[in-house]
């Protein structure tokens, strides 16, 4: 498709939604001083910049520290709305226990070697006791260190009385890559849940309640601020970003984005190493039709 020049898409934007990893954050999780300053300028000007991420709440405190940003974030691919300042979960969309049970049974049958983990709604301050909101099956191998989470042979033994906001399913070997596993899972369980992935390098499914996505929760949050899709720009780089890229009037991928994100986007921004999101936000603040703060 022919894409627009992103510099021509900055007018009339009242909210910018941005993914974190691979989009705003550099590979090491850092941001530049320019990005920190631009986010501060957006807050001062009353322009909401909303973090919309696949990360669970327990992974957000380090982002707040790196960016100095406040407000709210949409976490776990839309399943959680989080206050970045207090760590309070403002809204959540857990997967119903019978649905989780059916999804696990179905994928266990359809995908040999699959193993599961869960993230659930944290109680109290999300910055405290981070490892207590994650658990996994004995056969699941976390990609990153997570302390000593609870384990069991079957993930369903770890979910009782917990509001599971994300079911994770990883396969090591078995002939699948990230995209083929996603397509296979969609074929079998998309009538029950929302399935996506956020990394082409990891054969990992990220599963939320049916109808829950970055786009769905962003739409509700924006509406609460009196902002419709025509005044929103969304930026991302992976398949889990596609719903919000399609919902917003201006959908932006970053350089190096997954083909599915690029196909959903209207234009391509520079990547995080070149401060693409911050450059877009700065241009929105400078747009001729942007009201100036007094």
C-alpha atoms as a PDB file:
ATOM      1  CA  UNK A   1       0.000   0.000   0.000  1.00  0.00           C
ATOM      2  CA  UNK A   2       1.058   3.614  -0.490  1.00  0.00           C
ATOM      3  CA  UNK A   3       1.731   5.243   2.874  1.00  0.00           C
ATOM      4  CA  UNK A   4       1.446   8.878   3.796  1.00  0.00           C
ATOM      5  CA  UNK A   5       4.305  10.993   5.058  1.00  0.00           C
ATOM      6  CA  UNK A   6       3.830  10.951   8.839  1.00  0.00           C
ATOM      7  CA  UNK A   7       4.622  14.663   9.078  1.00  0.00           C
ATOM      8  CA  UNK A   8       1.344  15.363   7.315  1.00  0.00           C
ATOM      9  CA  UNK A   9      -0.725  13.433   9.869  1.00  0.00           C
ATOM     10  CA  UNK A  10      -0.143  15.475  13.019  1.00  0.00           C
ATOM     11  CA  UNK A  11      -3.094  17.861  12.780  1.00  0.00           C
ATOM     12  CA  UNK A  12      -6.247  17.393  14.832  1.00  0.00           C
ATOM     13  CA  UNK A  13      -4.712  14.871  17.232  1.00  0.00           C
ATOM     14  CA  UNK A  14      -5.930  15.095  20.846  1.00  0.00           C
ATOM     15  CA  UNK A  15      -4.477  11.813  22.141  1.00  0.00           C
ATOM     16  CA  UNK A  16      -1.428   9.734  21.238  1.00  0.00           C
ATOM     17  CA  UNK A  17      -1.354   6.063  22.173  1.00  0.00           C
ATOM     18  CA  UNK A  18       1.970   4.278  22.006  1.00  0.00           C
ATOM     19  CA  UNK A  19       3.213   0.765  22.447  1.00  0.00           C
ATOM     20  CA  UNK A  20       6.356   0.420  24.558  1.00  0.00           C
ATOM     21  CA  UNK A  21       8.783  -2.359  23.594  1.00  0.00           C
ATOM     22  CA  UNK A  22      10.166  -1.877  20.110  1.00  0.00           C
ATOM     23  CA  UNK A  23       8.170   1.323  19.670  1.00  0.00           C
ATOM     24  CA  UNK A  24       8.889   3.883  22.416  1.00  0.00           C
ATOM     25  CA  UNK A  25      11.524   1.946  24.352  1.00  0.00           C
ATOM     26  CA  UNK A  26      14.903   1.086  22.935  1.00  0.00           C
ATOM     27  CA  UNK A  27      16.168  -2.487  22.970  1.00  0.00           C
ATOM     28  CA  UNK A  28      17.662  -2.041  26.440  1.00  0.00           C
ATOM     29  CA  UNK A  29      14.448  -0.525  27.813  1.00  0.00           C
ATOM     30  CA  UNK A  30      15.791   3.031  27.840  1.00  0.00           C
ATOM     31  CA  UNK A  31      14.584   6.251  26.237  1.00  0.00           C
ATOM     32  CA  UNK A  32      16.494   9.377  25.315  1.00  0.00           C
ATOM     33  CA  UNK A  33      16.490  12.631  27.252  1.00  0.00           C
ATOM     34  CA  UNK A  34      14.641  14.097  24.265  1.00  0.00           C
ATOM     35  CA  UNK A  35      11.821  11.588  24.673  1.00  0.00           C
ATOM     36  CA  UNK A  36      11.587  12.257  28.425  1.00  0.00           C
ATOM     37  CA  UNK A  37      11.402  15.998  27.784  1.00  0.00           C
ATOM     38  CA  UNK A  38       8.829  15.627  25.013  1.00  0.00           C
ATOM     39  CA  UNK A  39       6.574  13.513  27.216  1.00  0.00           C
ATOM     40  CA  UNK A  40       6.833  16.190  29.893  1.00  0.00           C
ATOM     41  CA  UNK A  41       5.910  18.865  27.360  1.00  0.00           C
ATOM     42  CA  UNK A  42       2.869  16.828  26.295  1.00  0.00           C
ATOM     43  CA  UNK A  43       1.685  16.586  29.905  1.00  0.00           C
ATOM     44  CA  UNK A  44       2.157  20.316  30.405  1.00  0.00           C
ATOM     45  CA  UNK A  45       0.189  21.041  27.228  1.00  0.00           C
ATOM     46  CA  UNK A  46      -2.668  18.727  28.194  1.00  0.00           C
ATOM     47  CA  UNK A  47      -2.000  16.223  25.401  1.00  0.00           C
ATOM     48  CA  UNK A  48      -2.584  12.706  26.746  1.00  0.00           C
ATOM     49  CA  UNK A  49       0.118  10.231  25.760  1.00  0.00           C
ATOM     50  CA  UNK A  50      -1.147   6.806  26.772  1.00  0.00           C
ATOM     51  CA  UNK A  51       1.136   3.806  27.103  1.00  0.00           C
ATOM     52  CA  UNK A  52      -0.611   0.772  25.568  1.00  0.00           C
ATOM     53  CA  UNK A  53       1.410  -2.371  26.127  1.00  0.00           C
ATOM     54  CA  UNK A  54       1.380  -6.124  26.304  1.00  0.00           C
ATOM     55  CA  UNK A  55       3.381  -5.868  29.523  1.00  0.00           C
ATOM     56  CA  UNK A  56       1.629  -6.842  32.747  1.00  0.00           C
ATOM     57  CA  UNK A  57       1.366  -4.228  35.505  1.00  0.00           C
ATOM     58  CA  UNK A  58       4.371  -5.692  37.340  1.00  0.00           C
ATOM     59  CA  UNK A  59       6.611  -4.615  34.433  1.00  0.00           C
ATOM     60  CA  UNK A  60       5.507  -0.965  34.380  1.00  0.00           C
ATOM     61  CA  UNK A  61       7.385   0.605  37.341  1.00  0.00           C
ATOM     62  CA  UNK A  62      10.699   0.435  35.463  1.00  0.00           C
ATOM     63  CA  UNK A  63       9.076   2.209  32.507  1.00  0.00           C
ATOM     64  CA  UNK A  64       7.773   4.979  34.761  1.00  0.00           C
ATOM     65  CA  UNK A  65      11.278   5.348  36.181  1.00  0.00           C
ATOM     66  CA  UNK A  66      12.864   5.514  32.719  1.00  0.00           C
ATOM     67  CA  UNK A  67      10.347   7.923  31.181  1.00  0.00           C
ATOM     68  CA  UNK A  68       9.141   9.996  34.138  1.00  0.00           C
ATOM     69  CA  UNK A  69       5.655   9.562  32.682  1.00  0.00           C
ATOM     70  CA  UNK A  70       2.410   9.496  34.646  1.00  0.00           C
ATOM     71  CA  UNK A  71      -1.286   9.163  33.959  1.00  0.00           C
ATOM     72  CA  UNK A  72      -2.730   5.787  33.088  1.00  0.00           C
ATOM     73  CA  UNK A  73      -1.492   2.859  31.025  1.00  0.00           C
ATOM     74  CA  UNK A  74      -3.330   0.113  29.210  1.00  0.00           C
ATOM     75  CA  UNK A  75      -1.562  -3.136  30.110  1.00  0.00           C
ATOM     76  CA  UNK A  76      -1.732  -6.834  29.257  1.00  0.00           C
ATOM     77  CA  UNK A  77      -2.960  -6.110  25.720  1.00  0.00           C
ATOM     78  CA  UNK A  78      -6.018  -4.240  26.976  1.00  0.00           C
ATOM     79  CA  UNK A  79      -6.954  -6.435  29.920  1.00  0.00           C
ATOM     80  CA  UNK A  80      -5.854  -3.914  32.575  1.00  0.00           C
ATOM     81  CA  UNK A  81      -6.136  -0.142  32.976  1.00  0.00           C
ATOM     82  CA  UNK A  82      -3.447   0.931  35.425  1.00  0.00           C
ATOM     83  CA  UNK A  83      -2.732   4.154  37.317  1.00  0.00           C
ATOM     84  CA  UNK A  84       0.985   4.657  36.714  1.00  0.00           C
ATOM     85  CA  UNK A  85       1.417   6.844  39.771  1.00  0.00           C
ATOM     86  CA  UNK A  86      -0.276   4.684  42.418  1.00  0.00           C
ATOM     87  CA  UNK A  87      -0.068   1.271  40.761  1.00  0.00           C
ATOM     88  CA  UNK A  88      -3.827   0.865  41.262  1.00  0.00           C
ATOM     89  CA  UNK A  89      -5.731  -1.332  38.835  1.00  0.00           C
ATOM     90  CA  UNK A  90      -8.575   0.882  37.660  1.00  0.00           C
ATOM     91  CA  UNK A  91     -10.281  -1.689  35.456  1.00  0.00           C
ATOM     92  CA  UNK A  92      -9.658  -5.279  34.425  1.00  0.00           C
ATOM     93  CA  UNK A  93     -11.089  -7.856  32.045  1.00  0.00           C
ATOM     94  CA  UNK A  94     -10.272 -11.361  33.284  1.00  0.00           C
ATOM     95  CA  UNK A  95     -10.789 -14.572  31.348  1.00  0.00           C
ATOM     96  CA  UNK A  96     -13.699 -16.586  32.745  1.00  0.00           C
ATOM     97  CA  UNK A  97     -12.533 -19.833  34.349  1.00  0.00           C
ATOM     98  CA  UNK A  98     -14.640 -22.156  32.120  1.00  0.00           C
ATOM     99  CA  UNK A  99     -13.310 -20.390  29.031  1.00  0.00           C
ATOM    100  CA  UNK A 100      -9.712 -20.665  30.200  1.00  0.00           C
ATOM    101  CA  UNK A 101     -10.256 -24.360  30.851  1.00  0.00           C
ATOM    102  CA  UNK A 102     -11.605 -24.945  27.339  1.00  0.00           C
ATOM    103  CA  UNK A 103      -8.813 -22.957  25.702  1.00  0.00           C
ATOM    104  CA  UNK A 104      -6.126 -24.895  27.570  1.00  0.00           C
ATOM    105  CA  UNK A 105      -7.721 -28.240  26.698  1.00  0.00           C
ATOM    106  CA  UNK A 106      -8.102 -27.299  23.035  1.00  0.00           C
ATOM    107  CA  UNK A 107      -4.587 -25.953  22.539  1.00  0.00           C
ATOM    108  CA  UNK A 108      -3.077 -28.850  24.478  1.00  0.00           C
ATOM    109  CA  UNK A 109      -4.709 -31.183  21.956  1.00  0.00           C
ATOM    110  CA  UNK A 110      -3.872 -29.122  18.882  1.00  0.00           C
ATOM    111  CA  UNK A 111      -0.284 -28.093  19.689  1.00  0.00           C
ATOM    112  CA  UNK A 112       2.060 -30.797  20.998  1.00  0.00           C
ATOM    113  CA  UNK A 113       4.623 -29.498  23.466  1.00  0.00           C
ATOM    114  CA  UNK A 114       2.661 -26.380  24.425  1.00  0.00           C
ATOM    115  CA  UNK A 115       2.995 -25.102  27.994  1.00  0.00           C
ATOM    116  CA  UNK A 116       1.105 -22.361  29.799  1.00  0.00           C
ATOM    117  CA  UNK A 117       1.569 -19.506  32.232  1.00  0.00           C
ATOM    118  CA  UNK A 118      -0.800 -16.898  33.653  1.00  0.00           C
ATOM    119  CA  UNK A 119      -0.799 -13.277  34.730  1.00  0.00           C
ATOM    120  CA  UNK A 120      -3.542 -12.207  37.079  1.00  0.00           C
ATOM    121  CA  UNK A 121      -4.872  -8.955  38.466  1.00  0.00           C
ATOM    122  CA  UNK A 122      -2.551  -7.691  41.189  1.00  0.00           C
ATOM    123  CA  UNK A 123      -3.935  -6.742  44.568  1.00  0.00           C
ATOM    124  CA  UNK A 124      -2.852  -3.353  45.890  1.00  0.00           C
ATOM    125  CA  UNK A 125       0.263  -1.640  44.628  1.00  0.00           C
ATOM    126  CA  UNK A 126       1.424  -3.266  41.384  1.00  0.00           C
ATOM    127  CA  UNK A 127       4.986  -2.232  42.155  1.00  0.00           C
ATOM    128  CA  UNK A 128       5.118  -4.471  45.232  1.00  0.00           C
ATOM    129  CA  UNK A 129       5.791  -8.230  45.313  1.00  0.00           C
ATOM    130  CA  UNK A 130       5.939  -8.408  41.494  1.00  0.00           C
ATOM    131  CA  UNK A 131       6.477 -12.150  41.275  1.00  0.00           C
ATOM    132  CA  UNK A 132       3.244 -12.972  43.106  1.00  0.00           C
ATOM    133  CA  UNK A 133       1.050 -12.162  40.094  1.00  0.00           C
ATOM    134  CA  UNK A 134       2.604 -14.680  37.700  1.00  0.00           C
ATOM    135  CA  UNK A 135       2.682 -18.470  37.734  1.00  0.00           C
ATOM    136  CA  UNK A 136       3.481 -21.181  35.218  1.00  0.00           C
ATOM    137  CA  UNK A 137       3.360 -24.861  34.482  1.00  0.00           C
ATOM    138  CA  UNK A 138       6.405 -26.983  35.191  1.00  0.00           C
ATOM    139  CA  UNK A 139       7.037 -27.295  31.452  1.00  0.00           C
ATOM    140  CA  UNK A 140       6.861 -23.569  30.726  1.00  0.00           C
ATOM    141  CA  UNK A 141      10.204 -21.790  30.377  1.00  0.00           C
ATOM    142  CA  UNK A 142       9.990 -18.041  31.137  1.00  0.00           C
ATOM    143  CA  UNK A 143      11.997 -15.907  28.744  1.00  0.00           C
ATOM    144  CA  UNK A 144      13.021 -13.477  31.491  1.00  0.00           C
ATOM    145  CA  UNK A 145      13.904 -14.036  35.169  1.00  0.00           C
ATOM    146  CA  UNK A 146      10.802 -13.864  37.349  1.00  0.00           C
ATOM    147  CA  UNK A 147      12.037 -14.834  40.791  1.00  0.00           C
ATOM    148  CA  UNK A 148      10.334 -17.936  42.173  1.00  0.00           C
ATOM    149  CA  UNK A 149       6.726 -17.969  40.912  1.00  0.00           C
ATOM    150  CA  UNK A 150       4.264 -20.716  41.759  1.00  0.00           C
ATOM    151  CA  UNK A 151       4.392 -23.786  39.529  1.00  0.00           C
ATOM    152  CA  UNK A 152       2.204 -26.826  38.909  1.00  0.00           C
ATOM    153  CA  UNK A 153       1.899 -29.569  36.290  1.00  0.00           C
ATOM    154  CA  UNK A 154      -1.330 -28.001  35.002  1.00  0.00           C
ATOM    155  CA  UNK A 155      -1.854 -24.230  34.784  1.00  0.00           C
ATOM    156  CA  UNK A 156      -5.489 -24.600  35.777  1.00  0.00           C
ATOM    157  CA  UNK A 157      -4.369 -25.615  39.260  1.00  0.00           C
ATOM    158  CA  UNK A 158      -2.789 -22.153  39.545  1.00  0.00           C
ATOM    159  CA  UNK A 159      -5.804 -20.073  38.547  1.00  0.00           C
ATOM    160  CA  UNK A 160      -8.446 -20.796  41.168  1.00  0.00           C
ATOM    161  CA  UNK A 161      -9.904 -17.628  42.709  1.00  0.00           C
ATOM    162  CA  UNK A 162      -7.660 -15.445  40.554  1.00  0.00           C
ATOM    163  CA  UNK A 163      -8.709 -12.957  37.901  1.00  0.00           C
ATOM    164  CA  UNK A 164      -6.482 -14.153  35.061  1.00  0.00           C
ATOM    165  CA  UNK A 165      -5.940 -11.268  32.645  1.00  0.00           C
ATOM    166  CA  UNK A 166      -3.477 -13.012  30.357  1.00  0.00           C
ATOM    167  CA  UNK A 167      -2.923 -16.653  29.465  1.00  0.00           C
ATOM    168  CA  UNK A 168       0.504 -17.277  27.926  1.00  0.00           C
ATOM    169  CA  UNK A 169       1.263 -20.312  25.780  1.00  0.00           C
ATOM    170  CA  UNK A 170       4.796 -21.110  24.636  1.00  0.00           C
ATOM    171  CA  UNK A 171       6.082 -23.840  22.344  1.00  0.00           C
ATOM    172  CA  UNK A 172       9.710 -24.863  22.094  1.00  0.00           C
ATOM    173  CA  UNK A 173      10.291 -26.818  18.894  1.00  0.00           C
ATOM    174  CA  UNK A 174       7.352 -28.424  17.150  1.00  0.00           C
ATOM    175  CA  UNK A 175       7.788 -26.725  13.796  1.00  0.00           C
ATOM    176  CA  UNK A 176       5.945 -23.478  14.593  1.00  0.00           C
ATOM    177  CA  UNK A 177       7.157 -19.916  14.356  1.00  0.00           C
ATOM    178  CA  UNK A 178       5.351 -17.049  16.074  1.00  0.00           C
ATOM    179  CA  UNK A 179       3.075 -16.266  13.137  1.00  0.00           C
ATOM    180  CA  UNK A 180       2.141 -19.832  12.247  1.00  0.00           C
ATOM    181  CA  UNK A 181       1.333 -20.634  15.883  1.00  0.00           C
ATOM    182  CA  UNK A 182      -0.831 -17.526  16.079  1.00  0.00           C
ATOM    183  CA  UNK A 183      -2.746 -18.444  12.924  1.00  0.00           C
ATOM    184  CA  UNK A 184      -3.173 -22.030  14.146  1.00  0.00           C
ATOM    185  CA  UNK A 185      -4.494 -20.897  17.518  1.00  0.00           C
ATOM    186  CA  UNK A 186      -6.868 -18.364  15.959  1.00  0.00           C
ATOM    187  CA  UNK A 187      -8.335 -21.155  13.862  1.00  0.00           C
ATOM    188  CA  UNK A 188      -9.196 -23.183  16.965  1.00  0.00           C
ATOM    189  CA  UNK A 189      -9.936 -20.767  19.819  1.00  0.00           C
ATOM    190  CA  UNK A 190     -10.723 -17.319  18.365  1.00  0.00           C
ATOM    191  CA  UNK A 191     -14.411 -17.918  19.137  1.00  0.00           C
ATOM    192  CA  UNK A 192     -13.497 -18.118  22.820  1.00  0.00           C
ATOM    193  CA  UNK A 193     -10.719 -15.564  23.386  1.00  0.00           C
ATOM    194  CA  UNK A 194      -8.544 -12.907  21.758  1.00  0.00           C
ATOM    195  CA  UNK A 195      -5.209 -14.360  20.641  1.00  0.00           C
ATOM    196  CA  UNK A 196      -2.155 -12.408  19.521  1.00  0.00           C
ATOM    197  CA  UNK A 197       1.615 -12.215  19.828  1.00  0.00           C
ATOM    198  CA  UNK A 198       4.115  -9.425  20.446  1.00  0.00           C
ATOM    199  CA  UNK A 199       7.447 -10.868  19.307  1.00  0.00           C
ATOM    200  CA  UNK A 200       8.547 -12.524  16.101  1.00  0.00           C
ATOM    201  CA  UNK A 201      11.501 -14.026  17.989  1.00  0.00           C
ATOM    202  CA  UNK A 202       9.473 -15.930  20.576  1.00  0.00           C
ATOM    203  CA  UNK A 203       6.932 -18.668  19.804  1.00  0.00           C
ATOM    204  CA  UNK A 204       4.530 -17.339  22.409  1.00  0.00           C
ATOM    205  CA  UNK A 205       0.792 -16.707  22.328  1.00  0.00           C
ATOM    206  CA  UNK A 206      -0.746 -13.943  24.432  1.00  0.00           C
ATOM    207  CA  UNK A 207      -4.393 -14.680  25.172  1.00  0.00           C
ATOM    208  CA  UNK A 208      -7.019 -12.303  26.594  1.00  0.00           C
ATOM    209  CA  UNK A 209     -10.756 -12.451  27.186  1.00  0.00           C
ATOM    210  CA  UNK A 210     -12.914 -12.372  24.068  1.00  0.00           C
ATOM    211  CA  UNK A 211     -13.196  -8.891  22.589  1.00  0.00           C
ATOM    212  CA  UNK A 212     -10.361  -7.511  24.714  1.00  0.00           C
ATOM    213  CA  UNK A 213      -7.495  -5.907  22.832  1.00  0.00           C
ATOM    214  CA  UNK A 214      -5.353  -2.812  22.874  1.00  0.00           C
ATOM    215  CA  UNK A 215      -7.871  -1.232  20.525  1.00  0.00           C
ATOM    216  CA  UNK A 216     -10.982  -2.051  22.539  1.00  0.00           C
ATOM    217  CA  UNK A 217      -9.660  -0.671  25.815  1.00  0.00           C
ATOM    218  CA  UNK A 218      -8.112   2.359  24.148  1.00  0.00           C
ATOM    219  CA  UNK A 219     -11.508   3.145  22.614  1.00  0.00           C
ATOM    220  CA  UNK A 220     -13.219   3.029  26.025  1.00  0.00           C
ATOM    221  CA  UNK A 221     -10.500   5.057  27.732  1.00  0.00           C
ATOM    222  CA  UNK A 222     -10.449   7.702  25.005  1.00  0.00           C
ATOM    223  CA  UNK A 223     -14.230   7.999  25.095  1.00  0.00           C
ATOM    224  CA  UNK A 224     -14.011   8.642  28.827  1.00  0.00           C
ATOM    225  CA  UNK A 225     -11.766  11.598  28.016  1.00  0.00           C
ATOM    226  CA  UNK A 226     -14.213  12.842  25.391  1.00  0.00           C
ATOM    227  CA  UNK A 227     -11.910  11.838  22.532  1.00  0.00           C
ATOM    228  CA  UNK A 228     -13.092   9.832  19.523  1.00  0.00           C
ATOM    229  CA  UNK A 229     -11.025   7.815  17.059  1.00  0.00           C
ATOM    230  CA  UNK A 230     -10.815  10.738  14.616  1.00  0.00           C
ATOM    231  CA  UNK A 231      -8.608  12.606  17.110  1.00  0.00           C
ATOM    232  CA  UNK A 232      -6.332   9.684  18.052  1.00  0.00           C
ATOM    233  CA  UNK A 233      -2.970   8.570  16.716  1.00  0.00           C
ATOM    234  CA  UNK A 234      -1.683   5.119  17.715  1.00  0.00           C
ATOM    235  CA  UNK A 235       1.844   3.793  17.280  1.00  0.00           C
ATOM    236  CA  UNK A 236       3.047   0.183  17.402  1.00  0.00           C
ATOM    237  CA  UNK A 237       5.221  -2.505  15.892  1.00  0.00           C
ATOM    238  CA  UNK A 238       3.672  -5.943  16.404  1.00  0.00           C
ATOM    239  CA  UNK A 239       0.477  -7.937  15.720  1.00  0.00           C
ATOM    240  CA  UNK A 240      -0.898  -7.109  19.170  1.00  0.00           C
ATOM    241  CA  UNK A 241      -0.857  -3.438  18.102  1.00  0.00           C
ATOM    242  CA  UNK A 242      -2.996  -3.982  15.002  1.00  0.00           C
ATOM    243  CA  UNK A 243      -6.407  -3.432  16.693  1.00  0.00           C
ATOM    244  CA  UNK A 244      -5.448   0.037  17.945  1.00  0.00           C
ATOM    245  CA  UNK A 245      -3.693   0.963  14.692  1.00  0.00           C
ATOM    246  CA  UNK A 246      -6.889   0.164  12.817  1.00  0.00           C
ATOM    247  CA  UNK A 247      -9.164   1.898  15.336  1.00  0.00           C
ATOM    248  CA  UNK A 248      -7.325   5.222  15.451  1.00  0.00           C
ATOM    249  CA  UNK A 249      -7.658   7.701  12.596  1.00  0.00           C
ATOM    250  CA  UNK A 250      -3.872   7.779  12.363  1.00  0.00           C
ATOM    251  CA  UNK A 251      -2.198   4.390  12.690  1.00  0.00           C
ATOM    252  CA  UNK A 252       1.592   4.473  12.728  1.00  0.00           C
ATOM    253  CA  UNK A 253       4.122   1.669  12.576  1.00  0.00           C
ATOM    254  CA  UNK A 254       7.781   2.180  13.383  1.00  0.00           C
ATOM    255  CA  UNK A 255      10.692   1.209  11.185  1.00  0.00           C
ATOM    256  CA  UNK A 256      11.403  -2.501  11.533  1.00  0.00           C
ATOM    257  CA  UNK A 257       7.815  -3.273  12.528  1.00  0.00           C
ATOM    258  CA  UNK A 258       6.216  -6.655  11.895  1.00  0.00           C
ATOM    259  CA  UNK A 259       4.532  -6.852   8.463  1.00  0.00           C
ATOM    260  CA  UNK A 260       1.087  -7.155  10.058  1.00  0.00           C
ATOM    261  CA  UNK A 261       1.596  -3.875  11.909  1.00  0.00           C
ATOM    262  CA  UNK A 262       2.965  -2.152   8.818  1.00  0.00           C
ATOM    263  CA  UNK A 263      -0.024  -3.351   6.776  1.00  0.00           C
ATOM    264  CA  UNK A 264      -2.406  -1.829   9.340  1.00  0.00           C
ATOM    265  CA  UNK A 265      -0.581   1.507   9.452  1.00  0.00           C
ATOM    266  CA  UNK A 266      -1.076   4.728   7.508  1.00  0.00           C
ATOM    267  CA  UNK A 267       2.571   5.792   7.814  1.00  0.00           C
ATOM    268  CA  UNK A 268       5.896   4.677   9.241  1.00  0.00           C
ATOM    269  CA  UNK A 269       7.796   6.541  11.962  1.00  0.00           C
ATOM    270  CA  UNK A 270      11.491   6.317  12.792  1.00  0.00           C
ATOM    271  CA  UNK A 271      12.238   3.584  15.313  1.00  0.00           C
ATOM    272  CA  UNK A 272      12.898   4.038  19.034  1.00  0.00           C
ATOM    273  CA  UNK A 273      16.630   4.566  18.531  1.00  0.00           C
ATOM    274  CA  UNK A 274      15.710   7.663  16.518  1.00  0.00           C
ATOM    275  CA  UNK A 275      12.943   8.903  18.874  1.00  0.00           C
ATOM    276  CA  UNK A 276      10.164   8.396  16.339  1.00  0.00           C
ATOM    277  CA  UNK A 277       7.301   8.554  18.848  1.00  0.00           C
ATOM    278  CA  UNK A 278       8.709  11.643  20.550  1.00  0.00           C
ATOM    279  CA  UNK A 279       9.234  13.329  17.196  1.00  0.00           C
ATOM    280  CA  UNK A 280       5.603  12.673  16.298  1.00  0.00           C
ATOM    281  CA  UNK A 281       4.368  13.960  19.668  1.00  0.00           C
ATOM    282  CA  UNK A 282       6.491  17.106  19.275  1.00  0.00           C
ATOM    283  CA  UNK A 283       4.989  17.675  15.830  1.00  0.00           C
ATOM    284  CA  UNK A 284       1.472  17.254  17.223  1.00  0.00           C
ATOM    285  CA  UNK A 285       2.259  19.863  19.887  1.00  0.00           C
ATOM    286  CA  UNK A 286       3.486  22.220  17.168  1.00  0.00           C
ATOM    287  CA  UNK A 287       0.537  21.651  14.799  1.00  0.00           C
ATOM    288  CA  UNK A 288      -1.158  24.940  13.791  1.00  0.00           C
ATOM    289  CA  UNK A 289      -4.593  23.734  14.974  1.00  0.00           C
ATOM    290  CA  UNK A 290      -3.340  22.673  18.421  1.00  0.00           C
ATOM    291  CA  UNK A 291      -4.645  24.916  21.220  1.00  0.00           C
ATOM    292  CA  UNK A 292      -1.737  26.403  23.159  1.00  0.00           C
ATOM    293  CA  UNK A 293      -1.640  26.048  26.939  1.00  0.00           C
ATOM    294  CA  UNK A 294      -1.873  29.309  28.825  1.00  0.00           C
END
